[in-house]
Amino acid sequence: MQVETKIKLDRFKPRDYQLPVIRAIEQDGCKRALLCWSRRSGKDHTALFIALRQMLKRVCTVFYLFPTAKQARIAIWDGINSDGQRIIDYIPQELIANKNDTEMKIRLVNGSVLQFLGSTDVDRVRGTACYVAIFSEYATQDPQAWSVLRPALAQNDGIALFCSTPFGKNHFWDLHQLSVSSDKWYSSTLNVDDTGHIPQDLLDDERREMSEDLFQQEYYVSFNAGVEGAFYAKYLNKMKLNNQITDVPYEVGFPVHTAWDLGVNDSTCIIFYQVICQTIRFIDYYTSSDRGLEHYANVLRNKEYVYANHMAPFDIAVVELGTGMSRLEKARSFGINFLTVPCLPVIEGIEAVRSTLGKIWIDEKKCSKLIKAMEFYRKEWDAKLKRYRDRPLHDWASDGCDSLRYLCLSLNRCSPSTSPEELEKRYREAMYGSSEQMPKFFR
């Protein structure tokens, strides 16, 4: 064993229950590992320990992902442990060639690189070769991050480590089920009683200060606890019991409508649905990012459907300063004639969704990404007031749920006769109030 590696062992001092995953990766050659451990059990310490040892064994790149870059900075880059020591200082200074605080990147003297990222920023490193990818708090990450890094890991025969507590039966639940049933994965599920890392009196204090659902989720790693602050989770559970999430085939005799959330810096999401009698049937779903309208027009053409209405958010009628055209006009040039959804408060749209879900049937396979987004869509947490705000958290799940919101708002409220000029005027007034308050280039 190299001297540097011994230094790591002295610095980290792994607990007994943390050793098996280290052995599985280092001695058994395991390339995929999942740790479903309770809060404060040292998941990130263990993952960082594993990553650094790999960086000393070979010259390689490690991407360490949190749900957001801000979380990565708070938890690791600027994080301090219970002993008052900076977590990043577990890496001995004599092994570090340089640090980049802006990019949260460390280069070791042997050339290996460790970079901390948010899953929402993973496109920055798309196509980059890496040997180790660590997904911290994976249950609250954008699951597309794994899809982005997976090819590079496969090419390099690299290592992927997923660490999290549960967050309902979302994408982490799916991966957990895969890991426990596959002999190619190392899977470990440990609750607070298994690890014994928190004294009972402190655990009792924690229980008094949070809801029972959250306590069971965080300390007893329960996947059955409801997602805290979720808008649609209980409605989805009812839909599953009513068999509304099932195989929903395309009915040839009825037209297909689409509802869009058009992303600029986010994903574009499209729901394909049919209205038959009193039911609304979601037969397909598509999402992508960093694509132009022409790409999505081709997606529509390549499907077998006969289309009727295409619904888009109100601001599609806004003229872009660079081109002098609106996306509404651009879409028309590609053969998509959008109708627009009224500009209404988000919470009103959420209520429209809740009141409509009883009439909706969703195809379980083709709309699986939308279903996951609906399960995960939740309120924003106010850390200062210690309560949830009424507005939704903007993350990977919000894009798909925005298209759902536009769909439900458009069922009764869309006016196809409104001209693009009138829509433009309404948008400006909604954004800036009277014409006197508008920027000059909008008047």
Protein backbone atom coordinates (compact mmCIF):
# COMPACT_ATOMS: atom_id res chain seq x y z
CA MET A 1 0.00 0.00 0.00
CA GLN A 2 1.31 3.44 -0.89
CA VAL A 3 2.37 5.86 1.87
CA GLU A 4 -0.23 8.36 0.66
CA THR A 5 -2.98 5.77 1.05
CA LYS A 6 -1.91 5.12 4.64
CA ILE A 7 -2.25 8.83 5.28
CA LYS A 8 -5.84 8.61 4.10
CA LEU A 9 -6.57 5.75 6.49
CA ASP A 10 -5.15 7.75 9.38
CA ARG A 11 -7.21 10.81 8.48
CA PHE A 12 -10.58 9.17 7.83
CA LYS A 13 -10.70 6.31 10.33
CA PRO A 14 -13.66 4.43 8.78
CA ARG A 15 -16.28 2.98 11.12
CA ASP A 16 -16.87 -0.75 11.13
CA TYR A 17 -20.04 -0.58 9.06
CA GLN A 18 -18.29 1.58 6.44
CA LEU A 19 -15.56 -0.96 5.73
CA PRO A 20 -17.56 -3.54 3.67
CA VAL A 21 -18.23 -1.13 0.77
CA ILE A 22 -14.56 -0.12 0.74
CA ARG A 23 -13.55 -3.79 0.51
CA ALA A 24 -16.18 -4.50 -2.15
CA ILE A 25 -14.74 -1.80 -4.43
CA GLU A 26 -11.04 -2.20 -3.66
CA GLN A 27 -10.71 -5.95 -3.13
CA ASP A 28 -13.68 -7.49 -4.95
CA GLY A 29 -13.55 -5.14 -7.94
CA CYS A 30 -17.18 -4.04 -7.62
CA LYS A 31 -17.98 -1.19 -10.04
CA ARG A 32 -21.47 -0.25 -8.84
CA ALA A 33 -22.40 0.43 -5.22
CA LEU A 34 -25.41 1.89 -3.42
CA LEU A 35 -25.49 3.11 0.17
CA CYS A 36 -28.94 3.70 1.63
CA TRP A 37 -27.80 4.81 5.08
CA SER A 38 -29.47 6.94 7.71
CA ARG A 39 -28.75 10.60 8.25
CA ARG A 40 -25.33 11.51 9.73
CA SER A 41 -23.97 8.01 9.16
CA GLY A 42 -20.94 9.25 7.20
CA LYS A 43 -22.03 8.51 3.65
CA ASP A 44 -20.05 11.40 2.17
CA HIS A 45 -16.99 10.74 4.31
CA THR A 46 -16.96 7.14 3.09
CA ALA A 47 -17.50 8.14 -0.54
CA LEU A 48 -14.75 10.77 -0.43
CA PHE A 49 -12.41 8.24 1.19
CA ILE A 50 -13.09 5.74 -1.62
CA ALA A 51 -12.63 8.39 -4.31
CA LEU A 52 -9.29 9.60 -2.98
CA ARG A 53 -7.86 6.10 -2.72
CA GLN A 54 -8.81 5.49 -6.34
CA MET A 55 -7.15 8.77 -7.33
CA LEU A 56 -3.90 7.63 -5.71
CA LYS A 57 -3.93 4.24 -7.39
CA ARG A 58 -4.23 5.68 -10.89
CA VAL A 59 -4.34 9.04 -12.62
CA CYS A 60 -8.05 9.63 -13.10
CA THR A 61 -10.93 12.09 -12.89
CA VAL A 62 -13.60 11.90 -10.19
CA PHE A 63 -16.90 13.77 -10.43
CA TYR A 64 -18.65 14.18 -7.10
CA LEU A 65 -22.27 15.25 -7.62
CA PHE A 66 -24.81 16.77 -5.26
CA PRO A 67 -28.33 17.88 -6.26
CA THR A 68 -26.97 21.42 -6.77
CA ALA A 69 -23.54 23.02 -6.83
CA LYS A 70 -24.56 25.13 -3.85
CA GLN A 71 -25.17 21.97 -1.82
CA ALA A 72 -21.79 20.60 -2.86
CA ARG A 73 -20.12 23.76 -1.60
CA ILE A 74 -21.97 23.76 1.72
CA ALA A 75 -21.67 20.02 2.41
CA ILE A 76 -18.07 19.34 1.32
CA TRP A 77 -16.10 22.24 -0.12
CA ASP A 78 -16.83 24.61 2.78
CA GLY A 79 -18.20 21.92 5.11
CA ILE A 80 -17.01 21.41 8.68
CA ASN A 81 -17.45 18.14 10.56
CA SER A 82 -18.62 17.67 14.15
CA ASP A 83 -15.01 17.94 15.36
CA GLY A 84 -14.64 21.40 13.83
CA GLN A 85 -12.38 20.23 11.00
CA ARG A 86 -12.94 21.27 7.39
CA ILE A 87 -13.92 18.18 5.43
CA ILE A 88 -11.84 19.14 2.41
CA ASP A 89 -8.78 19.24 4.69
CA TYR A 90 -8.98 15.47 5.03
CA ILE A 91 -6.93 15.57 1.84
CA PRO A 92 -3.32 16.12 3.00
CA GLN A 93 -1.84 19.34 1.63
CA GLU A 94 1.27 17.51 0.42
CA LEU A 95 -0.89 15.61 -2.08
CA ILE A 96 -2.53 18.70 -3.58
CA ALA A 97 -0.99 20.41 -6.60
CA ASN A 98 -3.63 23.15 -6.84
CA LYS A 99 -7.22 24.10 -5.98
CA ASN A 100 -9.79 26.05 -7.99
CA ASP A 101 -12.34 27.50 -5.60
CA THR A 102 -14.67 28.75 -8.34
CA GLU A 103 -14.97 25.37 -10.03
CA MET A 104 -14.57 23.40 -6.77
CA LYS A 105 -11.80 21.40 -8.37
CA ILE A 106 -8.68 19.82 -6.83
CA ARG A 107 -5.74 18.48 -8.80
CA LEU A 108 -3.39 16.09 -6.99
CA VAL A 109 0.36 16.00 -7.51
CA ASN A 110 0.01 12.76 -9.49
CA GLY A 111 -2.38 14.45 -11.97
CA SER A 112 -5.70 13.05 -10.70
CA VAL A 113 -8.62 15.48 -10.57
CA LEU A 114 -11.55 15.72 -8.14
CA GLN A 115 -14.41 18.08 -9.03
CA PHE A 116 -17.63 18.80 -7.16
CA LEU A 117 -20.74 19.53 -9.22
CA GLY A 118 -24.48 19.90 -9.03
CA SER A 119 -26.50 17.35 -10.99
CA THR A 120 -28.20 20.30 -12.70
CA ASP A 121 -24.79 21.33 -14.09
CA VAL A 122 -23.72 17.93 -15.36
CA ASP A 123 -23.97 19.00 -19.00
CA ARG A 124 -20.78 20.98 -18.37
CA VAL A 125 -18.84 17.70 -18.24
CA ARG A 126 -20.85 15.73 -20.81
CA GLY A 127 -18.45 13.60 -22.84
CA THR A 128 -15.60 14.10 -20.37
CA ALA A 129 -13.69 10.98 -19.41
CA CYS A 130 -14.08 10.04 -15.76
CA TYR A 131 -13.26 6.95 -13.75
CA VAL A 132 -15.32 7.54 -10.59
CA ALA A 133 -18.71 9.22 -10.26
CA ILE A 134 -20.24 9.73 -6.81
CA PHE A 135 -23.89 10.73 -6.52
CA SER A 136 -24.59 12.20 -3.08
CA GLU A 137 -28.23 12.61 -1.94
CA TYR A 138 -29.18 10.83 -5.16
CA ALA A 139 -32.84 10.66 -4.19
CA THR A 140 -33.07 14.43 -4.64
CA GLN A 141 -30.84 14.66 -7.72
CA ASP A 142 -31.84 15.01 -11.35
CA PRO A 143 -31.74 11.35 -12.51
CA GLN A 144 -30.55 12.48 -15.94
CA ALA A 145 -27.11 13.09 -14.42
CA TRP A 146 -26.53 9.34 -14.21
CA SER A 147 -27.55 8.99 -17.86
CA VAL A 148 -25.01 11.66 -18.84
CA LEU A 149 -22.05 10.10 -16.99
CA ARG A 150 -22.90 6.46 -17.56
CA PRO A 151 -21.31 6.17 -21.06
CA ALA A 152 -17.97 7.58 -19.86
CA LEU A 153 -17.90 5.16 -16.92
CA ALA A 154 -18.76 2.24 -19.18
CA GLN A 155 -15.97 3.18 -21.59
CA ASN A 156 -13.41 3.42 -18.77
CA ASP A 157 -14.76 0.46 -16.77
CA GLY A 158 -15.29 3.02 -14.02
CA ILE A 159 -16.94 3.12 -10.63
CA ALA A 160 -20.32 4.63 -9.71
CA LEU A 161 -21.32 5.09 -6.07
CA PHE A 162 -24.81 6.25 -5.06
CA CYS A 163 -25.40 7.56 -1.52
CA SER A 164 -28.70 8.74 -0.13
CA THR A 165 -31.53 8.48 2.30
CA PRO A 166 -34.89 7.69 0.65
CA PHE A 167 -37.29 10.25 -0.74
CA GLY A 168 -40.39 8.25 -1.50
CA LYS A 169 -40.40 5.60 -4.20
CA ASN A 170 -38.65 7.67 -6.84
CA HIS A 171 -35.58 6.99 -9.01
CA PHE A 172 -33.46 6.14 -5.95
CA TRP A 173 -36.02 3.47 -5.03
CA ASP A 174 -35.75 2.03 -8.56
CA LEU A 175 -31.96 1.91 -8.31
CA HIS A 176 -32.16 0.45 -4.81
CA GLN A 177 -34.39 -2.37 -6.10
CA LEU A 178 -31.93 -3.03 -8.92
CA SER A 179 -28.94 -3.07 -6.57
CA VAL A 180 -30.41 -5.58 -4.11
CA SER A 181 -31.35 -7.98 -6.92
CA SER A 182 -28.10 -7.82 -8.92
CA ASP A 183 -24.90 -9.70 -8.14
CA LYS A 184 -22.97 -6.98 -9.99
CA TRP A 185 -23.87 -4.38 -7.37
CA TYR A 186 -22.84 -3.85 -3.78
CA SER A 187 -25.93 -2.72 -1.87
CA SER A 188 -26.12 -1.66 1.77
CA THR A 189 -29.23 -0.46 3.63
CA LEU A 190 -28.58 0.61 7.23
CA ASN A 191 -30.86 2.45 9.63
CA VAL A 192 -29.82 4.28 12.78
CA ASP A 193 -30.17 1.14 14.91
CA ASP A 194 -27.90 -0.80 12.53
CA THR A 195 -25.14 1.79 12.72
CA GLY A 196 -25.53 2.96 16.34
CA HIS A 197 -23.85 6.25 15.46
CA ILE A 198 -26.35 8.48 17.30
CA PRO A 199 -27.01 8.22 21.07
CA GLN A 200 -30.62 7.51 21.96
CA ASP A 201 -31.19 10.81 23.76
CA LEU A 202 -30.12 12.79 20.68
CA LEU A 203 -32.28 10.57 18.48
CA ASP A 204 -35.27 11.27 20.74
CA ASP A 205 -34.62 15.00 20.33
CA GLU A 206 -34.59 14.62 16.57
CA ARG A 207 -37.89 12.75 16.64
CA ARG A 208 -39.57 15.54 18.57
CA GLU A 209 -38.36 18.20 16.13
CA MET A 210 -39.60 16.68 12.85
CA SER A 211 -42.65 14.94 11.45
CA GLU A 212 -42.84 11.17 11.95
CA ASP A 213 -42.75 10.63 8.18
CA LEU A 214 -39.54 12.61 7.86
CA PHE A 215 -38.02 10.90 10.92
CA GLN A 216 -38.76 7.44 9.49
CA GLN A 217 -37.37 8.49 6.12
CA GLU A 218 -34.14 10.04 7.41
CA TYR A 219 -33.24 7.75 10.31
CA TYR A 220 -35.00 4.47 9.50
CA VAL A 221 -34.49 4.78 5.72
CA SER A 222 -38.17 4.21 4.97
CA PHE A 223 -39.24 4.41 1.34
CA ASN A 224 -42.88 4.28 2.41
CA ALA A 225 -42.92 7.67 4.12
CA GLY A 226 -44.59 10.39 2.06
CA VAL A 227 -42.40 12.91 0.27
CA GLU A 228 -42.34 15.97 2.53
CA GLY A 229 -44.01 18.96 0.88
CA ALA A 230 -45.05 17.00 -2.23
CA PHE A 231 -47.88 18.49 -4.30
CA TYR A 232 -49.12 15.36 -6.06
CA ALA A 233 -47.72 12.32 -4.20
CA LYS A 234 -50.94 11.34 -2.40
CA TYR A 235 -52.97 11.89 -5.57
CA LEU A 236 -50.63 9.58 -7.49
CA ASN A 237 -50.99 6.91 -4.82
CA LYS A 238 -54.75 7.07 -5.27
CA MET A 239 -54.36 6.89 -9.05
CA LYS A 240 -52.21 3.77 -8.69
CA LEU A 241 -54.85 2.14 -6.49
CA ASN A 242 -57.50 3.00 -9.09
CA ASN A 243 -55.34 1.50 -11.87
CA GLN A 244 -55.08 4.89 -13.60
CA ILE A 245 -51.34 4.37 -14.14
CA THR A 246 -51.23 1.44 -16.51
CA ASP A 247 -50.97 0.59 -20.22
CA VAL A 248 -52.74 3.42 -22.08
CA PRO A 249 -52.76 2.72 -25.85
CA TYR A 250 -53.12 5.26 -28.64
CA GLU A 251 -56.72 5.30 -29.90
CA VAL A 252 -56.47 5.81 -33.67
CA GLY A 253 -59.94 7.31 -34.03
CA PHE A 254 -59.17 10.28 -31.77
CA PRO A 255 -56.72 13.16 -32.30
CA VAL A 256 -53.66 13.68 -30.12
CA HIS A 257 -53.05 16.97 -28.32
CA THR A 258 -49.74 18.11 -26.86
CA ALA A 259 -48.89 20.30 -23.86
CA TRP A 260 -45.42 21.86 -23.73
CA ASP A 261 -43.08 23.45 -21.26
CA LEU A 262 -40.56 25.20 -23.50
CA GLY A 263 -37.20 25.39 -21.81
CA VAL A 264 -34.58 28.02 -22.41
CA ASN A 265 -32.02 27.06 -19.77
CA ASP A 266 -34.12 24.08 -18.64
CA SER A 267 -35.55 21.01 -20.33
CA THR A 268 -38.38 21.13 -22.85
CA CYS A 269 -41.12 18.67 -21.91
CA ILE A 270 -44.04 17.49 -24.07
CA ILE A 271 -47.08 15.51 -22.93
CA PHE A 272 -49.01 13.69 -25.67
CA TYR A 273 -52.64 13.13 -24.68
CA GLN A 274 -56.08 12.26 -25.97
CA VAL A 275 -59.44 13.42 -24.64
CA ILE A 276 -61.97 10.60 -24.95
CA CYS A 277 -65.42 11.07 -23.42
CA GLN A 278 -64.77 12.24 -19.86
CA THR A 279 -61.22 10.88 -19.63
CA ILE A 280 -57.82 12.42 -20.40
CA ARG A 281 -55.30 9.82 -21.53
CA PHE A 282 -51.55 10.48 -21.40
CA ILE A 283 -50.18 8.19 -24.11
CA ASP A 284 -46.63 9.51 -24.48
CA TYR A 285 -44.05 11.90 -23.05
CA TYR A 286 -40.86 13.41 -24.41
CA THR A 287 -38.20 15.57 -22.77
CA SER A 288 -34.84 16.90 -23.89
CA SER A 289 -32.62 19.94 -23.41
CA ASP A 290 -30.40 22.24 -25.46
CA ARG A 291 -32.46 21.62 -28.60
CA GLY A 292 -34.14 23.99 -31.00
CA LEU A 293 -37.79 24.00 -32.06
CA GLU A 294 -36.89 22.19 -35.28
CA HIS A 295 -35.79 19.17 -33.26
CA TYR A 296 -39.12 18.96 -31.44
CA ALA A 297 -41.03 19.44 -34.69
CA ASN A 298 -39.21 16.38 -36.03
CA VAL A 299 -40.08 14.44 -32.89
CA LEU A 300 -43.76 15.13 -33.54
CA ARG A 301 -43.50 14.18 -37.22
CA ASN A 302 -41.74 10.91 -36.43
CA LYS A 303 -44.61 9.67 -34.28
CA GLU A 304 -47.67 7.99 -35.72
CA TYR A 305 -50.16 10.37 -34.15
CA VAL A 306 -52.69 12.62 -35.85
CA TYR A 307 -52.53 15.96 -34.03
CA ALA A 308 -55.10 18.55 -33.06
CA ASN A 309 -54.08 21.22 -30.51
CA HIS A 310 -50.59 22.10 -29.31
CA MET A 311 -50.63 24.02 -26.03
CA ALA A 312 -47.75 26.24 -24.90
CA PRO A 313 -47.11 28.71 -22.05
CA PHE A 314 -48.22 32.30 -22.37
CA ASP A 315 -44.72 33.75 -22.88
CA ILE A 316 -44.15 31.90 -26.15
CA ALA A 317 -45.61 35.00 -27.82
CA VAL A 318 -42.81 37.25 -26.54
CA VAL A 319 -40.62 38.67 -29.30
CA GLU A 320 -36.94 37.75 -28.86
CA LEU A 321 -34.62 40.75 -29.06
CA GLY A 322 -31.98 38.98 -31.12
CA THR A 323 -34.25 37.78 -33.91
CA GLY A 324 -37.26 40.06 -33.78
CA MET A 325 -39.45 36.95 -33.83
CA SER A 326 -41.36 35.13 -31.14
CA ARG A 327 -41.08 31.39 -30.57
CA LEU A 328 -44.75 31.26 -31.50
CA GLU A 329 -43.83 32.47 -35.01
CA LYS A 330 -40.78 30.21 -35.23
CA ALA A 331 -42.86 27.18 -34.30
CA ARG A 332 -45.40 28.09 -36.97
CA SER A 333 -42.62 28.02 -39.59
CA PHE A 334 -41.96 24.39 -38.55
CA GLY A 335 -45.63 23.48 -38.85
CA ILE A 336 -46.58 23.71 -35.15
CA ASN A 337 -49.48 26.10 -34.54
CA PHE A 338 -49.52 26.68 -30.82
CA LEU A 339 -52.44 27.79 -28.73
CA THR A 340 -51.41 29.57 -25.56
CA VAL A 341 -52.26 28.96 -21.93
CA PRO A 342 -53.42 31.92 -19.83
CA CYS A 343 -50.86 33.59 -17.54
CA LEU A 344 -52.15 32.56 -14.11
CA PRO A 345 -50.51 32.11 -10.69
CA VAL A 346 -48.59 28.83 -10.36
CA ILE A 347 -50.55 27.76 -7.30
CA GLU A 348 -53.79 28.17 -9.27
CA GLY A 349 -52.38 25.87 -11.93
CA ILE A 350 -51.40 23.32 -9.29
CA GLU A 351 -54.96 23.31 -8.00
CA ALA A 352 -56.18 22.81 -11.57
CA VAL A 353 -53.95 19.73 -11.80
CA ARG A 354 -55.17 18.33 -8.49
CA SER A 355 -58.81 18.72 -9.53
CA THR A 356 -58.13 17.04 -12.88
CA LEU A 357 -56.03 14.03 -11.83
CA GLY A 358 -59.13 11.96 -11.12
CA LYS A 359 -59.92 12.04 -14.87
CA ILE A 360 -56.40 11.26 -16.06
CA TRP A 361 -54.99 7.88 -17.12
CA ILE A 362 -51.21 7.70 -17.64
CA ASP A 363 -49.20 5.20 -19.65
CA GLU A 364 -46.84 3.66 -17.11
CA LYS A 365 -43.93 3.00 -19.51
CA LYS A 366 -43.99 5.83 -22.03
CA CYS A 367 -44.70 8.44 -19.35
CA SER A 368 -42.44 7.01 -16.64
CA LYS A 369 -40.27 10.15 -16.49
CA LEU A 370 -43.35 12.33 -16.09
CA ILE A 371 -44.64 10.09 -13.29
CA LYS A 372 -41.33 10.41 -11.44
CA ALA A 373 -41.45 14.19 -11.83
CA MET A 374 -45.00 14.26 -10.45
CA GLU A 375 -43.94 12.19 -7.44
CA PHE A 376 -40.99 14.47 -6.77
CA TYR A 377 -42.61 17.88 -7.39
CA ARG A 378 -42.65 19.62 -4.03
CA LYS A 379 -42.77 22.89 -2.13
CA GLU A 380 -39.74 25.04 -1.52
CA TRP A 381 -38.37 24.87 2.01
CA ASP A 382 -37.83 28.12 3.92
CA ALA A 383 -34.77 27.41 6.06
CA LYS A 384 -35.19 30.58 8.13
CA LEU A 385 -38.88 30.12 8.97
CA LYS A 386 -38.58 26.29 9.16
CA ARG A 387 -41.62 25.73 7.00
CA TYR A 388 -42.61 25.05 3.40
CA ARG A 389 -43.51 27.93 1.13
CA ASP A 390 -46.56 27.76 -1.13
CA ARG A 391 -44.42 27.99 -4.26
CA PRO A 392 -42.76 24.92 -5.82
CA LEU A 393 -39.05 24.20 -5.69
CA HIS A 394 -37.47 24.79 -9.10
CA ASP A 395 -35.53 21.64 -9.96
CA TRP A 396 -35.50 18.86 -12.56
CA ALA A 397 -39.08 17.80 -11.65
CA SER A 398 -40.62 21.22 -12.17
CA ASP A 399 -40.25 21.24 -15.98
CA GLY A 400 -42.40 18.16 -16.54
CA CYS A 401 -44.92 19.35 -13.97
CA ASP A 402 -45.10 22.75 -15.67
CA SER A 403 -46.22 21.04 -18.89
CA LEU A 404 -48.82 19.15 -16.81
CA ARG A 405 -50.00 22.42 -15.30
CA TYR A 406 -50.36 24.03 -18.73
CA LEU A 407 -52.30 21.02 -19.94
CA CYS A 408 -54.83 21.19 -17.14
CA LEU A 409 -55.21 24.97 -17.43
CA SER A 410 -55.81 24.68 -21.17
CA LEU A 411 -58.67 22.19 -20.90
CA ASN A 412 -61.25 24.90 -20.20
CA ARG A 413 -59.49 28.24 -20.40
CA CYS A 414 -57.61 28.48 -23.67
CA SER A 415 -58.82 30.90 -26.32
CA PRO A 416 -57.62 29.84 -29.79
CA SER A 417 -58.92 33.07 -31.32
CA THR A 418 -56.47 35.32 -29.44
CA SER A 419 -54.01 36.91 -31.87
CA PRO A 420 -50.22 36.81 -31.32
CA GLU A 421 -50.25 40.62 -31.05
CA GLU A 422 -52.85 40.51 -28.27
CA LEU A 423 -50.91 37.76 -26.48
CA GLU A 424 -47.75 39.86 -26.70
CA LYS A 425 -49.56 42.85 -25.22
CA ARG A 426 -51.03 40.78 -22.37
CA TYR A 427 -47.65 39.28 -21.55
CA ARG A 428 -45.95 42.67 -21.33
CA GLU A 429 -48.71 44.01 -19.12
CA ALA A 430 -48.51 40.94 -16.87
CA MET A 431 -44.74 41.39 -16.55
CA TYR A 432 -44.49 45.17 -16.27
CA GLY A 433 -47.94 46.54 -15.46
CA SER A 434 -48.84 49.66 -17.41
CA SER A 435 -47.10 50.53 -20.66
CA GLU A 436 -45.26 53.39 -18.92
CA GLN A 437 -43.40 50.84 -16.76
CA MET A 438 -42.26 48.72 -19.69
CA PRO A 439 -38.67 48.95 -20.97
CA LYS A 440 -38.51 51.22 -24.01
CA PHE A 441 -37.73 48.40 -26.41
CA PHE A 442 -41.06 46.75 -25.45
CA ARG A 443 -43.24 49.79 -26.17
